Amino acid sequence: MDVRPSWRGLAGIGTAVLISLPMQNDRDPVPPPSPAPAATAEAVEVVEAARQEVTLPPLLAGTFVATVRTRDALDADARLPHEEAVGLLLDAGVRRKSSGDCADRRRRYCTSLQAIRYGTLMRVVDLRRASGCPVTVTGGTETGHAGGRYSHGNGYKVDLAHNACLDAYVTRTCRFWRTRADGAALYRAAPSDVWADEPTHWDVLFR
């Protein structure tokens, strides 16, 4: 089998890469490959759409981008299994902490994300991205929280641990609304979102 070298210049680099192309029996040598065709308009639109789906700063770049794209067709009320929800949070730099070191939804001292709303989870990720602060989920859909339509158990609320960075961000970007009956100060970032400043955490409603 005869071979003949062909090469293509690399842009900006005075180096040639040798590529061996086979001869087929006694036929003429296979001609050098043609330049790659320009991207079609359809391909450009797909790439541009992918870029617009999730834009994260370097701190959050990684598998999270690809993971979110696989679920972008789901609406905010889609429910996630615990393992998938935890994986999405970890990829985005959000931690989960349990006082009982467990994830059993039936136990109040566990931190479970079983059946949490996709929309709620993405709001937590947005918070991590926008604030640049450490974000740790300490309460999810486990038992022990107050009931109701927009409750922990229904996947609308999460508990987020206090830290100086997050506390400053919330009180700076949200407006004080009122004081709850138990003494917790309530803040609102939007008409449907409520942040309750409880002793050990923020009790947050994302609707």
C-alpha atoms as a PDB file:
ATOM      1  CA  MET A   1       0.000   0.000   0.000  1.00  0.00           C
ATOM      2  CA  ASP A   2       1.479   3.343  -1.094  1.00  0.00           C
ATOM      3  CA  VAL A   3       1.007   6.440   0.982  1.00  0.00           C
ATOM      4  CA  ARG A   4       1.552  10.052   0.261  1.00  0.00           C
ATOM      5  CA  PRO A   5       1.813  12.879   2.783  1.00  0.00           C
ATOM      6  CA  SER A   6      -0.507  15.834   2.704  1.00  0.00           C
ATOM      7  CA  TRP A   7      -0.702  18.756   5.097  1.00  0.00           C
ATOM      8  CA  ARG A   8      -2.804  21.681   6.143  1.00  0.00           C
ATOM      9  CA  GLY A   9      -1.320  24.819   7.741  1.00  0.00           C
ATOM     10  CA  LEU A  10      -2.510  25.599  11.225  1.00  0.00           C
ATOM     11  CA  ALA A  11      -3.681  29.243  11.703  1.00  0.00           C
ATOM     12  CA  GLY A  12      -1.072  31.389  13.383  1.00  0.00           C
ATOM     13  CA  ILE A  13       1.401  28.501  13.739  1.00  0.00           C
ATOM     14  CA  GLY A  14       4.279  27.859  11.366  1.00  0.00           C
ATOM     15  CA  THR A  15       4.011  24.114  11.801  1.00  0.00           C
ATOM     16  CA  ALA A  16       2.880  21.456   9.334  1.00  0.00           C
ATOM     17  CA  VAL A  17       1.013  18.350  10.426  1.00  0.00           C
ATOM     18  CA  LEU A  18       1.653  15.330   8.241  1.00  0.00           C
ATOM     19  CA  ILE A  19      -1.364  13.179   7.427  1.00  0.00           C
ATOM     20  CA  SER A  20      -0.923   9.828   5.678  1.00  0.00           C
ATOM     21  CA  LEU A  21      -3.627   9.092   3.136  1.00  0.00           C
ATOM     22  CA  PRO A  22      -3.929   5.592   1.604  1.00  0.00           C
ATOM     23  CA  MET A  23      -3.746   4.662  -2.077  1.00  0.00           C
ATOM     24  CA  GLN A  24      -6.429   2.332  -3.312  1.00  0.00           C
ATOM     25  CA  ASN A  25      -4.709  -0.386  -5.428  1.00  0.00           C
ATOM     26  CA  ASP A  26      -3.389   1.211  -8.684  1.00  0.00           C
ATOM     27  CA  ARG A  27      -5.784   4.084  -8.729  1.00  0.00           C
ATOM     28  CA  ASP A  28      -4.773   7.699  -8.453  1.00  0.00           C
ATOM     29  CA  PRO A  29      -3.959   8.911  -4.949  1.00  0.00           C
ATOM     30  CA  VAL A  30      -6.878  10.073  -2.863  1.00  0.00           C
ATOM     31  CA  PRO A  31      -6.947  13.880  -3.138  1.00  0.00           C
ATOM     32  CA  PRO A  32      -6.383  15.956  -0.005  1.00  0.00           C
ATOM     33  CA  PRO A  33      -9.556  16.479   2.016  1.00  0.00           C
ATOM     34  CA  SER A  34     -11.536  19.552   1.143  1.00  0.00           C
ATOM     35  CA  PRO A  35     -11.776  22.312   3.756  1.00  0.00           C
ATOM     36  CA  ALA A  36     -14.513  21.725   6.281  1.00  0.00           C
ATOM     37  CA  PRO A  37     -17.786  23.229   5.061  1.00  0.00           C
ATOM     38  CA  ALA A  38     -18.929  26.378   6.717  1.00  0.00           C
ATOM     39  CA  ALA A  39     -21.434  25.875   9.508  1.00  0.00           C
ATOM     40  CA  THR A  40     -24.983  25.920   8.282  1.00  0.00           C
ATOM     41  CA  ALA A  41     -27.403  28.548   9.514  1.00  0.00           C
ATOM     42  CA  GLU A  42     -29.272  25.815  11.394  1.00  0.00           C
ATOM     43  CA  ALA A  43     -26.119  24.677  13.206  1.00  0.00           C
ATOM     44  CA  VAL A  44     -25.276  28.261  14.135  1.00  0.00           C
ATOM     45  CA  GLU A  45     -28.762  28.741  15.574  1.00  0.00           C
ATOM     46  CA  VAL A  46     -28.437  25.566  17.669  1.00  0.00           C
ATOM     47  CA  VAL A  47     -25.076  26.648  19.096  1.00  0.00           C
ATOM     48  CA  GLU A  48     -26.359  30.143  19.829  1.00  0.00           C
ATOM     49  CA  ALA A  49     -29.456  28.756  21.542  1.00  0.00           C
ATOM     50  CA  ALA A  50     -27.298  26.477  23.684  1.00  0.00           C
ATOM     51  CA  ARG A  51     -25.172  29.426  24.741  1.00  0.00           C
ATOM     52  CA  GLN A  52     -28.233  31.412  25.758  1.00  0.00           C
ATOM     53  CA  GLU A  53     -29.786  28.601  27.809  1.00  0.00           C
ATOM     54  CA  VAL A  54     -27.350  28.780  30.685  1.00  0.00           C
ATOM     55  CA  THR A  55     -24.681  31.421  31.157  1.00  0.00           C
ATOM     56  CA  LEU A  56     -22.649  30.864  34.287  1.00  0.00           C
ATOM     57  CA  PRO A  57     -19.559  32.586  35.641  1.00  0.00           C
ATOM     58  CA  PRO A  58     -16.352  30.497  35.702  1.00  0.00           C
ATOM     59  CA  LEU A  59     -16.976  29.444  39.301  1.00  0.00           C
ATOM     60  CA  LEU A  60     -20.067  27.492  38.276  1.00  0.00           C
ATOM     61  CA  ALA A  61     -18.933  26.263  34.880  1.00  0.00           C
ATOM     62  CA  GLY A  62     -18.747  22.511  34.429  1.00  0.00           C
ATOM     63  CA  THR A  63     -21.135  19.626  34.250  1.00  0.00           C
ATOM     64  CA  PHE A  64     -23.975  21.807  35.509  1.00  0.00           C
ATOM     65  CA  VAL A  65     -24.378  23.462  32.118  1.00  0.00           C
ATOM     66  CA  ALA A  66     -24.836  20.171  30.305  1.00  0.00           C
ATOM     67  CA  THR A  67     -27.106  18.805  33.018  1.00  0.00           C
ATOM     68  CA  VAL A  68     -29.480  21.759  32.917  1.00  0.00           C
ATOM     69  CA  ARG A  69     -29.802  21.536  29.127  1.00  0.00           C
ATOM     70  CA  THR A  70     -31.124  18.012  29.438  1.00  0.00           C
ATOM     71  CA  ARG A  71     -34.073  19.312  31.463  1.00  0.00           C
ATOM     72  CA  ASP A  72     -34.730  22.659  29.804  1.00  0.00           C
ATOM     73  CA  ALA A  73     -38.002  21.412  28.318  1.00  0.00           C
ATOM     74  CA  LEU A  74     -39.478  20.776  31.751  1.00  0.00           C
ATOM     75  CA  ASP A  75     -41.650  23.406  33.345  1.00  0.00           C
ATOM     76  CA  ALA A  76     -41.061  24.797  36.809  1.00  0.00           C
ATOM     77  CA  ASP A  77     -43.488  22.371  38.447  1.00  0.00           C
ATOM     78  CA  ALA A  78     -41.653  19.228  37.326  1.00  0.00           C
ATOM     79  CA  ARG A  79     -40.640  17.132  40.366  1.00  0.00           C
ATOM     80  CA  LEU A  80     -37.157  15.719  40.793  1.00  0.00           C
ATOM     81  CA  PRO A  81     -35.893  12.665  42.638  1.00  0.00           C
ATOM     82  CA  HIS A  82     -33.565  13.388  45.561  1.00  0.00           C
ATOM     83  CA  GLU A  83     -30.377  12.123  43.918  1.00  0.00           C
ATOM     84  CA  GLU A  84     -30.841  14.188  40.778  1.00  0.00           C
ATOM     85  CA  ALA A  85     -31.702  17.324  42.736  1.00  0.00           C
ATOM     86  CA  VAL A  86     -28.608  16.962  44.915  1.00  0.00           C
ATOM     87  CA  GLY A  87     -26.449  16.403  41.839  1.00  0.00           C
ATOM     88  CA  LEU A  88     -27.711  19.595  40.190  1.00  0.00           C
ATOM     89  CA  LEU A  89     -26.995  21.597  43.331  1.00  0.00           C
ATOM     90  CA  LEU A  90     -23.511  20.178  43.777  1.00  0.00           C
ATOM     91  CA  ASP A  91     -22.654  20.900  40.148  1.00  0.00           C
ATOM     92  CA  ALA A  92     -23.677  24.507  40.750  1.00  0.00           C
ATOM     93  CA  GLY A  93     -21.633  24.854  43.938  1.00  0.00           C
ATOM     94  CA  VAL A  94     -24.569  24.553  46.351  1.00  0.00           C
ATOM     95  CA  ARG A  95     -24.161  22.292  49.380  1.00  0.00           C
ATOM     96  CA  ARG A  96     -26.749  20.216  51.209  1.00  0.00           C
ATOM     97  CA  LYS A  97     -26.444  19.673  54.962  1.00  0.00           C
ATOM     98  CA  SER A  98     -28.470  17.459  57.277  1.00  0.00           C
ATOM     99  CA  SER A  99     -28.350  17.540  61.068  1.00  0.00           C
ATOM    100  CA  GLY A 100     -29.022  13.801  61.031  1.00  0.00           C
ATOM    101  CA  ASP A 101     -26.678  13.095  58.108  1.00  0.00           C
ATOM    102  CA  CYS A 102     -29.569  11.500  56.210  1.00  0.00           C
ATOM    103  CA  ALA A 103     -32.032  12.103  53.374  1.00  0.00           C
ATOM    104  CA  ASP A 104     -35.144  10.211  54.507  1.00  0.00           C
ATOM    105  CA  ARG A 105     -38.153  12.377  53.745  1.00  0.00           C
ATOM    106  CA  ARG A 106     -40.120  10.760  56.576  1.00  0.00           C
ATOM    107  CA  ARG A 107     -37.719  12.002  59.283  1.00  0.00           C
ATOM    108  CA  ARG A 108     -37.682  15.623  60.394  1.00  0.00           C
ATOM    109  CA  TYR A 109     -33.956  15.652  61.208  1.00  0.00           C
ATOM    110  CA  CYS A 110     -33.015  14.637  57.647  1.00  0.00           C
ATOM    111  CA  THR A 111     -32.681  16.969  54.659  1.00  0.00           C
ATOM    112  CA  SER A 112     -34.529  15.536  51.686  1.00  0.00           C
ATOM    113  CA  LEU A 113     -35.024  16.994  48.228  1.00  0.00           C
ATOM    114  CA  GLN A 114     -37.317  14.207  47.086  1.00  0.00           C
ATOM    115  CA  ALA A 115     -40.061  15.629  44.821  1.00  0.00           C
ATOM    116  CA  ILE A 116     -38.760  19.199  45.041  1.00  0.00           C
ATOM    117  CA  ARG A 117     -39.942  21.480  42.228  1.00  0.00           C
ATOM    118  CA  TYR A 118     -37.470  22.020  39.397  1.00  0.00           C
ATOM    119  CA  GLY A 119     -38.315  25.729  39.527  1.00  0.00           C
ATOM    120  CA  THR A 120     -37.454  25.939  43.233  1.00  0.00           C
ATOM    121  CA  LEU A 121     -34.145  24.192  42.669  1.00  0.00           C
ATOM    122  CA  MET A 122     -33.201  26.518  39.819  1.00  0.00           C
ATOM    123  CA  ARG A 123     -33.991  29.556  41.961  1.00  0.00           C
ATOM    124  CA  VAL A 124     -31.477  28.299  44.513  1.00  0.00           C
ATOM    125  CA  VAL A 125     -28.913  27.917  41.735  1.00  0.00           C
ATOM    126  CA  ASP A 126     -29.723  31.428  40.461  1.00  0.00           C
ATOM    127  CA  LEU A 127     -29.176  32.752  43.983  1.00  0.00           C
ATOM    128  CA  ARG A 128     -25.764  31.110  44.179  1.00  0.00           C
ATOM    129  CA  ARG A 129     -24.819  32.591  40.825  1.00  0.00           C
ATOM    130  CA  ALA A 130     -26.157  36.101  41.444  1.00  0.00           C
ATOM    131  CA  SER A 131     -24.871  36.512  45.000  1.00  0.00           C
ATOM    132  CA  GLY A 132     -21.508  34.770  44.707  1.00  0.00           C
ATOM    133  CA  CYS A 133     -22.105  33.660  48.308  1.00  0.00           C
ATOM    134  CA  PRO A 134     -21.836  30.189  49.824  1.00  0.00           C
ATOM    135  CA  VAL A 135     -25.292  28.587  49.747  1.00  0.00           C
ATOM    136  CA  THR A 136     -26.152  25.546  51.862  1.00  0.00           C
ATOM    137  CA  VAL A 137     -29.558  23.871  51.832  1.00  0.00           C
ATOM    138  CA  THR A 138     -30.480  22.640  55.320  1.00  0.00           C
ATOM    139  CA  GLY A 139     -34.160  21.930  54.764  1.00  0.00           C
ATOM    140  CA  GLY A 140     -36.175  20.596  51.874  1.00  0.00           C
ATOM    141  CA  THR A 141     -39.246  18.416  51.492  1.00  0.00           C
ATOM    142  CA  GLU A 142     -38.809  16.328  54.640  1.00  0.00           C
ATOM    143  CA  THR A 143     -41.537  16.117  57.257  1.00  0.00           C
ATOM    144  CA  GLY A 144     -41.633  18.507  60.216  1.00  0.00           C
ATOM    145  CA  HIS A 145     -42.403  21.747  58.369  1.00  0.00           C
ATOM    146  CA  ALA A 146     -45.696  23.594  58.262  1.00  0.00           C
ATOM    147  CA  GLY A 147     -48.150  22.357  55.666  1.00  0.00           C
ATOM    148  CA  GLY A 148     -50.061  24.184  52.989  1.00  0.00           C
ATOM    149  CA  ARG A 149     -50.058  24.593  49.234  1.00  0.00           C
ATOM    150  CA  TYR A 150     -46.817  26.581  49.077  1.00  0.00           C
ATOM    151  CA  SER A 151     -44.928  24.547  51.637  1.00  0.00           C
ATOM    152  CA  HIS A 152     -41.730  22.573  52.075  1.00  0.00           C
ATOM    153  CA  GLY A 153     -43.587  19.331  51.596  1.00  0.00           C
ATOM    154  CA  ASN A 154     -45.004  20.516  48.275  1.00  0.00           C
ATOM    155  CA  GLY A 155     -41.561  21.498  47.013  1.00  0.00           C
ATOM    156  CA  TYR A 156     -41.929  25.294  47.117  1.00  0.00           C
ATOM    157  CA  LYS A 157     -39.704  26.096  50.084  1.00  0.00           C
ATOM    158  CA  VAL A 158     -36.134  25.485  51.190  1.00  0.00           C
ATOM    159  CA  ASP A 159     -34.123  26.378  54.276  1.00  0.00           C
ATOM    160  CA  LEU A 160     -30.772  28.050  53.584  1.00  0.00           C
ATOM    161  CA  ALA A 161     -28.079  28.341  56.250  1.00  0.00           C
ATOM    162  CA  HIS A 162     -27.108  31.795  57.463  1.00  0.00           C
ATOM    163  CA  ASN A 163     -23.722  33.206  56.590  1.00  0.00           C
ATOM    164  CA  ALA A 164     -22.501  36.817  56.557  1.00  0.00           C
ATOM    165  CA  CYS A 165     -22.314  37.028  52.763  1.00  0.00           C
ATOM    166  CA  LEU A 166     -25.790  35.627  52.122  1.00  0.00           C
ATOM    167  CA  ASP A 167     -27.376  37.643  54.943  1.00  0.00           C
ATOM    168  CA  ALA A 168     -25.947  40.870  53.537  1.00  0.00           C
ATOM    169  CA  TYR A 169     -27.068  39.993  50.027  1.00  0.00           C
ATOM    170  CA  VAL A 170     -30.655  39.236  51.065  1.00  0.00           C
ATOM    171  CA  THR A 171     -31.114  42.332  53.205  1.00  0.00           C
ATOM    172  CA  ARG A 172     -29.545  44.484  50.477  1.00  0.00           C
ATOM    173  CA  THR A 173     -31.515  43.158  47.503  1.00  0.00           C
ATOM    174  CA  CYS A 174     -34.844  42.357  49.177  1.00  0.00           C
ATOM    175  CA  ARG A 175     -37.135  44.822  50.884  1.00  0.00           C
ATOM    176  CA  PHE A 176     -38.353  44.385  54.435  1.00  0.00           C
ATOM    177  CA  TRP A 177     -42.013  43.418  54.349  1.00  0.00           C
ATOM    178  CA  ARG A 178     -43.246  42.777  57.873  1.00  0.00           C
ATOM    179  CA  THR A 179     -42.622  40.786  61.050  1.00  0.00           C
ATOM    180  CA  ARG A 180     -44.155  37.344  61.284  1.00  0.00           C
ATOM    181  CA  ALA A 181     -46.155  36.255  64.337  1.00  0.00           C
ATOM    182  CA  ASP A 182     -43.178  34.282  65.671  1.00  0.00           C
ATOM    183  CA  GLY A 183     -40.913  37.338  65.423  1.00  0.00           C
ATOM    184  CA  ALA A 184     -39.124  36.408  62.188  1.00  0.00           C
ATOM    185  CA  ALA A 185     -38.456  39.364  59.890  1.00  0.00           C
ATOM    186  CA  LEU A 186     -39.910  38.804  56.411  1.00  0.00           C
ATOM    187  CA  TYR A 187     -38.289  40.118  53.235  1.00  0.00           C
ATOM    188  CA  ARG A 188     -39.586  40.068  49.682  1.00  0.00           C
ATOM    189  CA  ALA A 189     -37.544  40.065  46.473  1.00  0.00           C
ATOM    190  CA  ALA A 190     -40.617  39.720  44.261  1.00  0.00           C
ATOM    191  CA  PRO A 191     -44.363  39.628  44.915  1.00  0.00           C
ATOM    192  CA  SER A 192     -44.311  35.834  45.114  1.00  0.00           C
ATOM    193  CA  ASP A 193     -41.031  35.234  47.007  1.00  0.00           C
ATOM    194  CA  VAL A 194     -40.717  35.484  50.773  1.00  0.00           C
ATOM    195  CA  TRP A 195     -37.580  35.214  52.903  1.00  0.00           C
ATOM    196  CA  ALA A 196     -38.128  34.566  56.618  1.00  0.00           C
ATOM    197  CA  ASP A 197     -35.130  35.336  58.840  1.00  0.00           C
ATOM    198  CA  GLU A 198     -35.235  32.486  61.354  1.00  0.00           C
ATOM    199  CA  PRO A 199     -32.588  31.963  64.074  1.00  0.00           C
ATOM    200  CA  THR A 200     -30.493  29.330  62.256  1.00  0.00           C
ATOM    201  CA  HIS A 201     -31.506  29.740  58.622  1.00  0.00           C
ATOM    202  CA  TRP A 202     -33.498  31.564  55.984  1.00  0.00           C
ATOM    203  CA  ASP A 203     -36.886  29.945  55.355  1.00  0.00           C
ATOM    204  CA  VAL A 204     -37.429  30.770  51.685  1.00  0.00           C
ATOM    205  CA  LEU A 205     -40.524  30.497  49.521  1.00  0.00           C
ATOM    206  CA  PHE A 206     -39.911  30.411  45.749  1.00  0.00           C
ATOM    207  CA  ARG A 207     -43.093  30.549  43.656  1.00  0.00           C
END
